[in-house]
Amino acid sequence: MQTIAESWIVANTSKFTPGDMIVIRQKLEKMDESKAAILCSVELKNPVVALFLSIFLGTFGIDRFYTGDQGRALLKLLTGGLCGIYYLIDIFLIMNAAKKANFKAILPRLDA
């Protein structure tokens, strides 16, 4: 029977980079089951949703607002995605940005 931590890892692997998953797995192995259940309460960003937002609304910075990067979101909003240049670049970067935002959100709970 799978533990809560193992089930959580299987369900959320696509929302983190492989390097981040190694760190998460190591920290989860050291946690007891009661603390691991806290991870279920963390709201994670879906990288695929971030990609679609970037493609369709990236010029307005909606993708960066979704990932929690308000500074870049405002920059894209006020400049039209830096006249379309940053909009195009961000289509390739946004999925990794969403995964990094997820790792940043979950790290304090792993250290608790």
C-alpha atoms as a PDB file:
ATOM      1  CA  MET A   1       0.000   0.000   0.000  1.00  0.00           C
ATOM      2  CA  GLN A   2       1.310   3.428  -0.941  1.00  0.00           C
ATOM      3  CA  THR A   3       1.927   6.037   1.692  1.00  0.00           C
ATOM      4  CA  ILE A   4       0.552   9.573   1.441  1.00  0.00           C
ATOM      5  CA  ALA A   5       3.986  10.858   0.401  1.00  0.00           C
ATOM      6  CA  GLU A   6       4.377   8.286  -2.371  1.00  0.00           C
ATOM      7  CA  SER A   7       0.868   8.976  -3.684  1.00  0.00           C
ATOM      8  CA  TRP A   8       1.542  12.705  -3.653  1.00  0.00           C
ATOM      9  CA  ILE A   9       4.787  12.232  -5.605  1.00  0.00           C
ATOM     10  CA  VAL A  10       3.077  10.125  -8.267  1.00  0.00           C
ATOM     11  CA  ALA A  11       0.233  12.630  -8.646  1.00  0.00           C
ATOM     12  CA  ASN A  12       2.446  15.726  -8.841  1.00  0.00           C
ATOM     13  CA  THR A  13       5.624  14.667 -10.655  1.00  0.00           C
ATOM     14  CA  SER A  14       4.703  16.645 -13.783  1.00  0.00           C
ATOM     15  CA  LYS A  15       4.456  19.867 -11.776  1.00  0.00           C
ATOM     16  CA  PHE A  16       8.147  19.933 -10.815  1.00  0.00           C
ATOM     17  CA  THR A  17      11.492  19.716 -12.583  1.00  0.00           C
ATOM     18  CA  PRO A  18      13.362  16.392 -12.236  1.00  0.00           C
ATOM     19  CA  GLY A  19      16.009  18.027 -10.048  1.00  0.00           C
ATOM     20  CA  ASP A  20      13.365  19.473  -7.743  1.00  0.00           C
ATOM     21  CA  MET A  21      11.663  16.073  -7.492  1.00  0.00           C
ATOM     22  CA  ILE A  22      14.899  14.553  -6.202  1.00  0.00           C
ATOM     23  CA  VAL A  23      15.054  17.144  -3.424  1.00  0.00           C
ATOM     24  CA  ILE A  24      11.357  16.690  -2.621  1.00  0.00           C
ATOM     25  CA  ARG A  25      11.674  12.905  -2.498  1.00  0.00           C
ATOM     26  CA  GLN A  26      14.679  13.110  -0.155  1.00  0.00           C
ATOM     27  CA  LYS A  27      12.876  15.472   2.196  1.00  0.00           C
ATOM     28  CA  LEU A  28       9.693  13.375   2.146  1.00  0.00           C
ATOM     29  CA  GLU A  29      11.641  10.259   3.091  1.00  0.00           C
ATOM     30  CA  LYS A  30      12.722  12.023   6.286  1.00  0.00           C
ATOM     31  CA  MET A  31       9.163  13.169   7.173  1.00  0.00           C
ATOM     32  CA  ASP A  32       6.586  11.199   9.071  1.00  0.00           C
ATOM     33  CA  GLU A  33       3.167  10.567   7.524  1.00  0.00           C
ATOM     34  CA  SER A  34       1.322  13.199   9.556  1.00  0.00           C
ATOM     35  CA  LYS A  35       3.565  15.984   8.237  1.00  0.00           C
ATOM     36  CA  ALA A  36       3.453  14.610   4.690  1.00  0.00           C
ATOM     37  CA  ALA A  37      -0.332  15.048   4.672  1.00  0.00           C
ATOM     38  CA  ILE A  38       0.221  18.822   4.838  1.00  0.00           C
ATOM     39  CA  LEU A  39       1.468  18.717   1.238  1.00  0.00           C
ATOM     40  CA  CYS A  40      -2.032  17.987   0.005  1.00  0.00           C
ATOM     41  CA  SER A  41      -3.120  21.470   1.065  1.00  0.00           C
ATOM     42  CA  VAL A  42      -0.581  23.257  -1.154  1.00  0.00           C
ATOM     43  CA  GLU A  43      -2.112  24.691  -4.323  1.00  0.00           C
ATOM     44  CA  LEU A  44       0.215  23.901  -7.209  1.00  0.00           C
ATOM     45  CA  LYS A  45       0.277  25.620 -10.587  1.00  0.00           C
ATOM     46  CA  ASN A  46      -0.255  23.462 -13.648  1.00  0.00           C
ATOM     47  CA  PRO A  47       2.550  24.057 -16.194  1.00  0.00           C
ATOM     48  CA  VAL A  48       0.241  23.190 -19.107  1.00  0.00           C
ATOM     49  CA  VAL A  49      -2.269  25.824 -18.000  1.00  0.00           C
ATOM     50  CA  ALA A  50       0.598  28.303 -17.765  1.00  0.00           C
ATOM     51  CA  LEU A  51       1.596  27.437 -21.339  1.00  0.00           C
ATOM     52  CA  PHE A  52      -1.932  27.987 -22.659  1.00  0.00           C
ATOM     53  CA  LEU A  53      -2.180  31.262 -20.779  1.00  0.00           C
ATOM     54  CA  SER A  54       1.152  32.282 -22.252  1.00  0.00           C
ATOM     55  CA  ILE A  55       0.087  31.464 -25.799  1.00  0.00           C
ATOM     56  CA  PHE A  56      -3.314  33.135 -25.659  1.00  0.00           C
ATOM     57  CA  LEU A  57      -2.916  35.900 -23.053  1.00  0.00           C
ATOM     58  CA  GLY A  58       0.855  36.210 -22.644  1.00  0.00           C
ATOM     59  CA  THR A  59       1.004  39.655 -24.202  1.00  0.00           C
ATOM     60  CA  PHE A  60      -0.965  40.933 -21.204  1.00  0.00           C
ATOM     61  CA  GLY A  61       1.191  39.074 -18.648  1.00  0.00           C
ATOM     62  CA  ILE A  62      -1.610  36.787 -17.462  1.00  0.00           C
ATOM     63  CA  ASP A  63       0.759  33.808 -17.561  1.00  0.00           C
ATOM     64  CA  ARG A  64       3.177  35.518 -15.193  1.00  0.00           C
ATOM     65  CA  PHE A  65       0.375  36.598 -12.876  1.00  0.00           C
ATOM     66  CA  TYR A  66      -0.667  32.924 -12.778  1.00  0.00           C
ATOM     67  CA  THR A  67       2.828  31.810 -11.742  1.00  0.00           C
ATOM     68  CA  GLY A  68       3.049  34.551  -9.102  1.00  0.00           C
ATOM     69  CA  ASP A  69       5.686  36.659 -10.838  1.00  0.00           C
ATOM     70  CA  GLN A  70       3.970  40.044 -10.551  1.00  0.00           C
ATOM     71  CA  GLY A  71       7.011  42.076 -11.591  1.00  0.00           C
ATOM     72  CA  ARG A  72       7.381  40.409 -14.975  1.00  0.00           C
ATOM     73  CA  ALA A  73       3.623  40.301 -15.370  1.00  0.00           C
ATOM     74  CA  LEU A  74       3.377  44.073 -14.985  1.00  0.00           C
ATOM     75  CA  LEU A  75       6.283  44.546 -17.379  1.00  0.00           C
ATOM     76  CA  LYS A  76       4.532  42.449 -20.016  1.00  0.00           C
ATOM     77  CA  LEU A  77       1.208  44.139 -19.363  1.00  0.00           C
ATOM     78  CA  LEU A  78       2.547  47.673 -19.664  1.00  0.00           C
ATOM     79  CA  THR A  79       4.779  47.025 -22.686  1.00  0.00           C
ATOM     80  CA  GLY A  80       2.694  44.544 -24.655  1.00  0.00           C
ATOM     81  CA  GLY A  81       5.111  41.743 -23.909  1.00  0.00           C
ATOM     82  CA  LEU A  82       8.012  44.076 -24.741  1.00  0.00           C
ATOM     83  CA  CYS A  83       6.498  44.619 -28.182  1.00  0.00           C
ATOM     84  CA  GLY A  84       5.982  40.891 -28.623  1.00  0.00           C
ATOM     85  CA  ILE A  85       9.595  39.840 -28.068  1.00  0.00           C
ATOM     86  CA  TYR A  86       9.254  38.788 -24.431  1.00  0.00           C
ATOM     87  CA  TYR A  87       5.883  37.261 -25.262  1.00  0.00           C
ATOM     88  CA  LEU A  88       7.531  34.887 -27.755  1.00  0.00           C
ATOM     89  CA  ILE A  89      10.447  34.061 -25.468  1.00  0.00           C
ATOM     90  CA  ASP A  90       8.141  33.437 -22.522  1.00  0.00           C
ATOM     91  CA  ILE A  91       6.188  30.789 -24.427  1.00  0.00           C
ATOM     92  CA  PHE A  92       9.303  28.618 -24.143  1.00  0.00           C
ATOM     93  CA  LEU A  93      10.124  29.590 -20.545  1.00  0.00           C
ATOM     94  CA  ILE A  94       6.738  29.632 -18.807  1.00  0.00           C
ATOM     95  CA  MET A  95       6.371  25.910 -18.086  1.00  0.00           C
ATOM     96  CA  ASN A  96       9.670  25.836 -16.229  1.00  0.00           C
ATOM     97  CA  ALA A  97       8.696  29.044 -14.416  1.00  0.00           C
ATOM     98  CA  ALA A  98       5.491  27.376 -13.201  1.00  0.00           C
ATOM     99  CA  LYS A  99       7.466  24.349 -11.983  1.00  0.00           C
ATOM    100  CA  LYS A 100       9.922  26.581 -10.122  1.00  0.00           C
ATOM    101  CA  ALA A 101       7.012  28.508  -8.552  1.00  0.00           C
ATOM    102  CA  ASN A 102       5.587  25.184  -7.334  1.00  0.00           C
ATOM    103  CA  PHE A 103       8.922  24.218  -5.782  1.00  0.00           C
ATOM    104  CA  LYS A 104       9.172  27.616  -4.112  1.00  0.00           C
ATOM    105  CA  ALA A 105       5.658  27.181  -2.686  1.00  0.00           C
ATOM    106  CA  ILE A 106       6.240  23.703  -1.329  1.00  0.00           C
ATOM    107  CA  LEU A 107       9.775  24.066   0.044  1.00  0.00           C
ATOM    108  CA  PRO A 108       8.792  25.814   3.323  1.00  0.00           C
ATOM    109  CA  ARG A 109       6.358  22.987   4.112  1.00  0.00           C
ATOM    110  CA  LEU A 110       9.034  20.385   3.493  1.00  0.00           C
ATOM    111  CA  ASP A 111      11.401  22.117   5.879  1.00  0.00           C
ATOM    112  CA  ALA A 112       8.783  22.410   8.644  1.00  0.00           C
END
